[in-house]
Amino acid sequence: AVAFVPISGWHGDNMLEVSSKMPWFKGWSVERKEGKAEGKCLIEALDAILPPTRPTDKALRLPLQDVYKIGGIGTVPVGRVET
């Protein structure tokens, strides 16, 4: 689920703290396996986002991003180690 949070970046309303200029907004709530998350401003919605879990029990992989051919050294594969 996606939380809807009305904000005004120009005036800073509802970004870091609850704004008195939006009395119609009662807040948002999201229910998930980990529990219920709720709030009224943007920073609370951002804090409620759960980071994705990494499969630490799987083998490491090196997806190749590029291959460089350097004279005197040879072919150098470039990538990032991931799980």
PDB file of N, CA and C in Angstrom:
ATOM      1  N   ALA A   1       0.833  -1.181   0.000  1.00  0.00           N
ATOM      2  CA  ALA A   1       0.000   0.000   0.000  1.00  0.00           C
ATOM      3  C   ALA A   1       0.880   1.248   0.000  1.00  0.00           C
ATOM      4  N   VAL A   2       0.362   2.298  -0.551  1.00  0.00           N
ATOM      5  CA  VAL A   2       1.088   3.561  -0.637  1.00  0.00           C
ATOM      6  C   VAL A   2       0.341   4.605   0.183  1.00  0.00           C
ATOM      7  N   ALA A   3       1.075   5.292   1.042  1.00  0.00           N
ATOM      8  CA  ALA A   3       0.456   6.330   1.866  1.00  0.00           C
ATOM      9  C   ALA A   3       0.354   7.626   1.072  1.00  0.00           C
ATOM     10  N   PHE A   4      -0.806   8.262   1.121  1.00  0.00           N
ATOM     11  CA  PHE A   4      -1.013   9.567   0.498  1.00  0.00           C
ATOM     12  C   PHE A   4      -0.807  10.629   1.567  1.00  0.00           C
ATOM     13  N   VAL A   5       0.110  11.547   1.325  1.00  0.00           N
ATOM     14  CA  VAL A   5       0.386  12.611   2.285  1.00  0.00           C
ATOM     15  C   VAL A   5       0.371  13.945   1.542  1.00  0.00           C
ATOM     16  N   PRO A   6      -0.621  14.798   1.791  1.00  0.00           N
ATOM     17  CA  PRO A   6      -0.634  16.112   1.144  1.00  0.00           C
ATOM     18  C   PRO A   6       0.415  17.021   1.785  1.00  0.00           C
ATOM     19  N   ILE A   7       1.224  17.667   0.953  1.00  0.00           N
ATOM     20  CA  ILE A   7       2.264  18.562   1.466  1.00  0.00           C
ATOM     21  C   ILE A   7       2.299  19.837   0.638  1.00  0.00           C
ATOM     22  N   SER A   8       2.962  20.834   1.168  1.00  0.00           N
ATOM     23  CA  SER A   8       3.284  22.037   0.417  1.00  0.00           C
ATOM     24  C   SER A   8       4.770  22.288   0.627  1.00  0.00           C
ATOM     25  N   GLY A   9       5.567  21.958  -0.380  1.00  0.00           N
ATOM     26  CA  GLY A   9       6.996  22.179  -0.281  1.00  0.00           C
ATOM     27  C   GLY A   9       7.348  23.656  -0.261  1.00  0.00           C
ATOM     28  N   TRP A  10       6.504  24.461  -0.884  1.00  0.00           N
ATOM     29  CA  TRP A  10       6.749  25.902  -0.943  1.00  0.00           C
ATOM     30  C   TRP A  10       6.669  26.524   0.451  1.00  0.00           C
ATOM     31  N   HIS A  11       5.649  26.102   1.219  1.00  0.00           N
ATOM     32  CA  HIS A  11       5.440  26.655   2.559  1.00  0.00           C
ATOM     33  C   HIS A  11       5.939  25.724   3.658  1.00  0.00           C
ATOM     34  N   GLY A  12       6.303  24.488   3.312  1.00  0.00           N
ATOM     35  CA  GLY A  12       6.780  23.533   4.307  1.00  0.00           C
ATOM     36  C   GLY A  12       5.670  22.905   5.125  1.00  0.00           C
ATOM     37  N   ASP A  13       4.450  22.930   4.602  1.00  0.00           N
ATOM     38  CA  ASP A  13       3.321  22.366   5.341  1.00  0.00           C
ATOM     39  C   ASP A  13       3.315  20.846   5.238  1.00  0.00           C
ATOM     40  N   ASN A  14       3.168  20.201   6.384  1.00  0.00           N
ATOM     41  CA  ASN A  14       3.015  18.748   6.488  1.00  0.00           C
ATOM     42  C   ASN A  14       4.273  17.984   6.069  1.00  0.00           C
ATOM     43  N   MET A  15       5.418  18.631   6.064  1.00  0.00           N
ATOM     44  CA  MET A  15       6.636  17.927   5.678  1.00  0.00           C
ATOM     45  C   MET A  15       7.329  17.325   6.901  1.00  0.00           C
ATOM     46  N   LEU A  16       7.669  18.136   7.879  1.00  0.00           N
ATOM     47  CA  LEU A  16       8.342  17.637   9.076  1.00  0.00           C
ATOM     48  C   LEU A  16       7.420  17.553  10.281  1.00  0.00           C
ATOM     49  N   GLU A  17       6.400  18.365  10.284  1.00  0.00           N
ATOM     50  CA  GLU A  17       5.432  18.326  11.384  1.00  0.00           C
ATOM     51  C   GLU A  17       4.039  18.608  10.837  1.00  0.00           C
ATOM     52  N   VAL A  18       3.042  18.255  11.616  1.00  0.00           N
ATOM     53  CA  VAL A  18       1.650  18.391  11.189  1.00  0.00           C
ATOM     54  C   VAL A  18       1.315  19.869  10.985  1.00  0.00           C
ATOM     55  N   SER A  19       0.638  20.165   9.872  1.00  0.00           N
ATOM     56  CA  SER A  19       0.284  21.539   9.535  1.00  0.00           C
ATOM     57  C   SER A  19      -1.136  21.859   9.993  1.00  0.00           C
ATOM     58  N   SER A  20      -1.320  23.062  10.501  1.00  0.00           N
ATOM     59  CA  SER A  20      -2.663  23.502  10.896  1.00  0.00           C
ATOM     60  C   SER A  20      -3.469  23.969   9.688  1.00  0.00           C
ATOM     61  N   LYS A  21      -2.815  24.078   8.514  1.00  0.00           N
ATOM     62  CA  LYS A  21      -3.500  24.541   7.311  1.00  0.00           C
ATOM     63  C   LYS A  21      -4.207  23.412   6.563  1.00  0.00           C
ATOM     64  N   MET A  22      -4.090  22.181   7.063  1.00  0.00           N
ATOM     65  CA  MET A  22      -4.750  21.037   6.422  1.00  0.00           C
ATOM     66  C   MET A  22      -5.569  20.267   7.450  1.00  0.00           C
ATOM     67  N   PRO A  23      -6.596  20.904   8.026  1.00  0.00           N
ATOM     68  CA  PRO A  23      -7.376  20.214   9.061  1.00  0.00           C
ATOM     69  C   PRO A  23      -8.205  19.059   8.513  1.00  0.00           C
ATOM     70  N   TRP A  24      -8.444  19.025   7.222  1.00  0.00           N
ATOM     71  CA  TRP A  24      -9.239  17.972   6.598  1.00  0.00           C
ATOM     72  C   TRP A  24      -8.475  16.652   6.528  1.00  0.00           C
ATOM     73  N   PHE A  25      -7.132  16.690   6.607  1.00  0.00           N
ATOM     74  CA  PHE A  25      -6.334  15.470   6.494  1.00  0.00           C
ATOM     75  C   PHE A  25      -6.212  14.824   7.867  1.00  0.00           C
ATOM     76  N   LYS A  26      -6.775  13.627   7.990  1.00  0.00           N
ATOM     77  CA  LYS A  26      -6.802  12.926   9.278  1.00  0.00           C
ATOM     78  C   LYS A  26      -5.606  12.005   9.480  1.00  0.00           C
ATOM     79  N   GLY A  27      -4.793  11.813   8.457  1.00  0.00           N
ATOM     80  CA  GLY A  27      -3.627  10.940   8.585  1.00  0.00           C
ATOM     81  C   GLY A  27      -3.747   9.733   7.675  1.00  0.00           C
ATOM     82  N   TRP A  28      -2.718   8.915   7.679  1.00  0.00           N
ATOM     83  CA  TRP A  28      -2.671   7.716   6.853  1.00  0.00           C
ATOM     84  C   TRP A  28      -2.323   6.534   7.748  1.00  0.00           C
ATOM     85  N   SER A  29      -2.668   5.344   7.294  1.00  0.00           N
ATOM     86  CA  SER A  29      -2.288   4.129   8.017  1.00  0.00           C
ATOM     87  C   SER A  29      -2.119   2.994   7.019  1.00  0.00           C
ATOM     88  N   VAL A  30      -1.144   2.139   7.299  1.00  0.00           N
ATOM     89  CA  VAL A  30      -0.834   0.999   6.448  1.00  0.00           C
ATOM     90  C   VAL A  30      -0.701  -0.219   7.347  1.00  0.00           C
ATOM     91  N   GLU A  31      -1.404  -1.293   6.997  1.00  0.00           N
ATOM     92  CA  GLU A  31      -1.282  -2.545   7.741  1.00  0.00           C
ATOM     93  C   GLU A  31      -0.489  -3.533   6.913  1.00  0.00           C
ATOM     94  N   ARG A  32       0.483  -4.173   7.550  1.00  0.00           N
ATOM     95  CA  ARG A  32       1.310  -5.178   6.883  1.00  0.00           C
ATOM     96  C   ARG A  32       1.678  -6.254   7.892  1.00  0.00           C
ATOM     97  N   LYS A  33       2.431  -7.246   7.438  1.00  0.00           N
ATOM     98  CA  LYS A  33       2.787  -8.367   8.311  1.00  0.00           C
ATOM     99  C   LYS A  33       3.548  -7.914   9.551  1.00  0.00           C
ATOM    100  N   GLU A  34       4.408  -6.929   9.405  1.00  0.00           N
ATOM    101  CA  GLU A  34       5.247  -6.472  10.505  1.00  0.00           C
ATOM    102  C   GLU A  34       4.480  -5.647  11.531  1.00  0.00           C
ATOM    103  N   GLY A  35       3.283  -5.238  11.187  1.00  0.00           N
ATOM    104  CA  GLY A  35       2.479  -4.429  12.088  1.00  0.00           C
ATOM    105  C   GLY A  35       1.865  -3.247  11.361  1.00  0.00           C
ATOM    106  N   LYS A  36       1.211  -2.410  12.114  1.00  0.00           N
ATOM    107  CA  LYS A  36       0.528  -1.255  11.536  1.00  0.00           C
ATOM    108  C   LYS A  36       1.420  -0.023  11.646  1.00  0.00           C
ATOM    109  N   ALA A  37       1.468   0.756  10.589  1.00  0.00           N
ATOM    110  CA  ALA A  37       2.202   2.021  10.584  1.00  0.00           C
ATOM    111  C   ALA A  37       1.212   3.127  10.274  1.00  0.00           C
ATOM    112  N   GLU A  38       1.341   4.233  10.989  1.00  0.00           N
ATOM    113  CA  GLU A  38       0.445   5.357  10.746  1.00  0.00           C
ATOM    114  C   GLU A  38       1.158   6.662  11.056  1.00  0.00           C
ATOM    115  N   GLY A  39       0.639   7.740  10.498  1.00  0.00           N
ATOM    116  CA  GLY A  39       1.229   9.049  10.726  1.00  0.00           C
ATOM    117  C   GLY A  39       0.444  10.127  10.021  1.00  0.00           C
ATOM    118  N   LYS A  40       0.967  11.342  10.087  1.00  0.00           N
ATOM    119  CA  LYS A  40       0.267  12.475   9.482  1.00  0.00           C
ATOM    120  C   LYS A  40       1.147  13.324   8.582  1.00  0.00           C
ATOM    121  N   CYS A  41       2.482  13.227   8.696  1.00  0.00           N
ATOM    122  CA  CYS A  41       3.338  14.079   7.872  1.00  0.00           C
ATOM    123  C   CYS A  41       4.286  13.238   7.016  1.00  0.00           C
ATOM    124  N   LEU A  42       4.970  13.898   6.097  1.00  0.00           N
ATOM    125  CA  LEU A  42       5.813  13.224   5.119  1.00  0.00           C
ATOM    126  C   LEU A  42       6.969  12.477   5.764  1.00  0.00           C
ATOM    127  N   ILE A  43       7.611  13.050   6.762  1.00  0.00           N
ATOM    128  CA  ILE A  43       8.764  12.393   7.384  1.00  0.00           C
ATOM    129  C   ILE A  43       8.345  11.094   8.063  1.00  0.00           C
ATOM    130  N   GLU A  44       7.136  11.036   8.604  1.00  0.00           N
ATOM    131  CA  GLU A  44       6.638   9.799   9.207  1.00  0.00           C
ATOM    132  C   GLU A  44       6.375   8.743   8.142  1.00  0.00           C
ATOM    133  N   ALA A  45       5.897   9.167   6.974  1.00  0.00           N
ATOM    134  CA  ALA A  45       5.666   8.222   5.879  1.00  0.00           C
ATOM    135  C   ALA A  45       6.984   7.670   5.358  1.00  0.00           C
ATOM    136  N   LEU A  46       7.998   8.517   5.253  1.00  0.00           N
ATOM    137  CA  LEU A  46       9.308   8.050   4.794  1.00  0.00           C
ATOM    138  C   LEU A  46       9.954   7.117   5.811  1.00  0.00           C
ATOM    139  N   ASP A  47       9.791   7.408   7.093  1.00  0.00           N
ATOM    140  CA  ASP A  47      10.347   6.543   8.135  1.00  0.00           C
ATOM    141  C   ASP A  47       9.649   5.193   8.197  1.00  0.00           C
ATOM    142  N   ALA A  48       8.413   5.120   7.720  1.00  0.00           N
ATOM    143  CA  ALA A  48       7.655   3.871   7.774  1.00  0.00           C
ATOM    144  C   ALA A  48       7.989   2.921   6.627  1.00  0.00           C
ATOM    145  N   ILE A  49       8.762   3.376   5.643  1.00  0.00           N
ATOM    146  CA  ILE A  49       9.135   2.507   4.522  1.00  0.00           C
ATOM    147  C   ILE A  49      10.139   1.478   5.011  1.00  0.00           C
ATOM    148  N   LEU A  50       9.854   0.211   4.768  1.00  0.00           N
ATOM    149  CA  LEU A  50      10.753  -0.862   5.174  1.00  0.00           C
ATOM    150  C   LEU A  50      11.761  -1.135   4.064  1.00  0.00           C
ATOM    151  N   PRO A  51      13.044  -1.210   4.395  1.00  0.00           N
ATOM    152  CA  PRO A  51      14.034  -1.521   3.361  1.00  0.00           C
ATOM    153  C   PRO A  51      13.880  -2.969   2.907  1.00  0.00           C
ATOM    154  N   PRO A  52      14.187  -3.261   1.651  1.00  0.00           N
ATOM    155  CA  PRO A  52      14.060  -4.637   1.174  1.00  0.00           C
ATOM    156  C   PRO A  52      15.080  -5.543   1.858  1.00  0.00           C
ATOM    157  N   THR A  53      14.685  -6.782   2.089  1.00  0.00           N
ATOM    158  CA  THR A  53      15.594  -7.736   2.718  1.00  0.00           C
ATOM    159  C   THR A  53      16.511  -8.333   1.667  1.00  0.00           C
ATOM    160  N   ARG A  54      17.736  -8.552   2.050  1.00  0.00           N
ATOM    161  CA  ARG A  54      18.709  -9.165   1.145  1.00  0.00           C
ATOM    162  C   ARG A  54      18.826 -10.646   1.488  1.00  0.00           C
ATOM    163  N   PRO A  55      18.900 -11.483   0.460  1.00  0.00           N
ATOM    164  CA  PRO A  55      19.026 -12.926   0.723  1.00  0.00           C
ATOM    165  C   PRO A  55      20.455 -13.277   1.144  1.00  0.00           C
ATOM    166  N   THR A  56      20.759 -13.144   2.426  1.00  0.00           N
ATOM    167  CA  THR A  56      22.119 -13.382   2.907  1.00  0.00           C
ATOM    168  C   THR A  56      22.489 -14.859   2.921  1.00  0.00           C
ATOM    169  N   ASP A  57      21.516 -15.741   2.765  1.00  0.00           N
ATOM    170  CA  ASP A  57      21.812 -17.173   2.750  1.00  0.00           C
ATOM    171  C   ASP A  57      22.142 -17.680   1.346  1.00  0.00           C
ATOM    172  N   LYS A  58      22.062 -16.840   0.350  1.00  0.00           N
ATOM    173  CA  LYS A  58      22.347 -17.229  -1.042  1.00  0.00           C
ATOM    174  C   LYS A  58      23.813 -16.970  -1.380  1.00  0.00           C
ATOM    175  N   ALA A  59      24.243 -17.527  -2.507  1.00  0.00           N
ATOM    176  CA  ALA A  59      25.616 -17.350  -2.961  1.00  0.00           C
ATOM    177  C   ALA A  59      25.848 -15.925  -3.465  1.00  0.00           C
ATOM    178  N   LEU A  60      27.102 -15.478  -3.371  1.00  0.00           N
ATOM    179  CA  LEU A  60      27.460 -14.158  -3.890  1.00  0.00           C
ATOM    180  C   LEU A  60      27.595 -14.217  -5.405  1.00  0.00           C
ATOM    181  N   ARG A  61      27.236 -13.133  -6.068  1.00  0.00           N
ATOM    182  CA  ARG A  61      27.334 -13.042  -7.526  1.00  0.00           C
ATOM    183  C   ARG A  61      28.002 -11.729  -7.894  1.00  0.00           C
ATOM    184  N   LEU A  62      28.591 -11.700  -9.085  1.00  0.00           N
ATOM    185  CA  LEU A  62      29.228 -10.490  -9.587  1.00  0.00           C
ATOM    186  C   LEU A  62      28.625 -10.151 -10.941  1.00  0.00           C
ATOM    187  N   PRO A  63      27.506  -9.396 -10.960  1.00  0.00           N
ATOM    188  CA  PRO A  63      26.956  -8.957 -12.247  1.00  0.00           C
ATOM    189  C   PRO A  63      27.932  -7.988 -12.913  1.00  0.00           C
ATOM    190  N   LEU A  64      28.305  -8.294 -14.146  1.00  0.00           N
ATOM    191  CA  LEU A  64      29.271  -7.458 -14.850  1.00  0.00           C
ATOM    192  C   LEU A  64      28.628  -6.166 -15.328  1.00  0.00           C
ATOM    193  N   GLN A  65      29.309  -5.082 -15.067  1.00  0.00           N
ATOM    194  CA  GLN A  65      28.862  -3.779 -15.525  1.00  0.00           C
ATOM    195  C   GLN A  65      29.579  -3.402 -16.812  1.00  0.00           C
ATOM    196  N   ASP A  66      30.870  -3.725 -16.870  1.00  0.00           N
ATOM    197  CA  ASP A  66      31.663  -3.382 -18.039  1.00  0.00           C
ATOM    198  C   ASP A  66      32.925  -4.231 -18.045  1.00  0.00           C
ATOM    199  N   VAL A  67      33.589  -4.289 -19.184  1.00  0.00           N
ATOM    200  CA  VAL A  67      34.860  -4.996 -19.319  1.00  0.00           C
ATOM    201  C   VAL A  67      35.843  -4.041 -19.978  1.00  0.00           C
ATOM    202  N   TYR A  68      36.965  -3.810 -19.295  1.00  0.00           N
ATOM    203  CA  TYR A  68      37.997  -2.914 -19.814  1.00  0.00           C
ATOM    204  C   TYR A  68      39.193  -3.727 -20.278  1.00  0.00           C
ATOM    205  N   LYS A  69      39.755  -3.322 -21.401  1.00  0.00           N
ATOM    206  CA  LYS A  69      40.981  -3.944 -21.887  1.00  0.00           C
ATOM    207  C   LYS A  69      42.097  -2.934 -21.700  1.00  0.00           C
ATOM    208  N   ILE A  70      42.949  -3.186 -20.711  1.00  0.00           N
ATOM    209  CA  ILE A  70      44.014  -2.262 -20.353  1.00  0.00           C
ATOM    210  C   ILE A  70      45.335  -2.850 -20.838  1.00  0.00           C
ATOM    211  N   GLY A  71      46.053  -2.062 -21.648  1.00  0.00           N
ATOM    212  CA  GLY A  71      47.331  -2.522 -22.181  1.00  0.00           C
ATOM    213  C   GLY A  71      48.345  -2.769 -21.081  1.00  0.00           C
ATOM    214  N   GLY A  72      49.038  -3.902 -21.140  1.00  0.00           N
ATOM    215  CA  GLY A  72      50.035  -4.252 -20.141  1.00  0.00           C
ATOM    216  C   GLY A  72      49.463  -4.964 -18.936  1.00  0.00           C
ATOM    217  N   ILE A  73      48.140  -4.876 -18.739  1.00  0.00           N
ATOM    218  CA  ILE A  73      47.495  -5.550 -17.606  1.00  0.00           C
ATOM    219  C   ILE A  73      46.602  -6.672 -18.113  1.00  0.00           C
ATOM    220  N   GLY A  74      45.777  -6.377 -19.089  1.00  0.00           N
ATOM    221  CA  GLY A  74      44.883  -7.381 -19.646  1.00  0.00           C
ATOM    222  C   GLY A  74      43.437  -6.953 -19.557  1.00  0.00           C
ATOM    223  N   THR A  75      42.557  -7.920 -19.569  1.00  0.00           N
ATOM    224  CA  THR A  75      41.120  -7.679 -19.511  1.00  0.00           C
ATOM    225  C   THR A  75      40.681  -7.588 -18.052  1.00  0.00           C
ATOM    226  N   VAL A  76      39.965  -6.517 -17.706  1.00  0.00           N
ATOM    227  CA  VAL A  76      39.522  -6.294 -16.326  1.00  0.00           C
ATOM    228  C   VAL A  76      37.998  -6.228 -16.301  1.00  0.00           C
ATOM    229  N   PRO A  77      37.339  -7.247 -15.719  1.00  0.00           N
ATOM    230  CA  PRO A  77      35.885  -7.168 -15.568  1.00  0.00           C
ATOM    231  C   PRO A  77      35.528  -6.256 -14.386  1.00  0.00           C
ATOM    232  N   VAL A  78      34.482  -5.453 -14.553  1.00  0.00           N
ATOM    233  CA  VAL A  78      34.052  -4.517 -13.513  1.00  0.00           C
ATOM    234  C   VAL A  78      32.602  -4.813 -13.173  1.00  0.00           C
ATOM    235  N   GLY A  79      32.300  -4.862 -11.881  1.00  0.00           N
ATOM    236  CA  GLY A  79      30.933  -5.119 -11.448  1.00  0.00           C
ATOM    237  C   GLY A  79      30.794  -4.865  -9.962  1.00  0.00           C
ATOM    238  N   ARG A  80      29.666  -5.314  -9.413  1.00  0.00           N
ATOM    239  CA  ARG A  80      29.379  -5.133  -7.997  1.00  0.00           C
ATOM    240  C   ARG A  80      28.997  -6.472  -7.392  1.00  0.00           C
ATOM    241  N   VAL A  81      29.598  -6.816  -6.275  1.00  0.00           N
ATOM    242  CA  VAL A  81      29.284  -8.074  -5.604  1.00  0.00           C
ATOM    243  C   VAL A  81      27.919  -7.936  -4.941  1.00  0.00           C
ATOM    244  N   GLU A  82      27.007  -8.874  -5.251  1.00  0.00           N
ATOM    245  CA  GLU A  82      25.658  -8.859  -4.688  1.00  0.00           C
ATOM    246  C   GLU A  82      25.307 -10.237  -4.160  1.00  0.00           C
ATOM    247  N   THR A  83      24.240 -10.297  -3.374  1.00  0.00           N
ATOM    248  CA  THR A  83      23.757 -11.592  -2.887  1.00  0.00           C
ATOM    249  C   THR A  83      22.612 -12.068  -3.726  1.00  0.00           C
TER     250      THR A  83
END
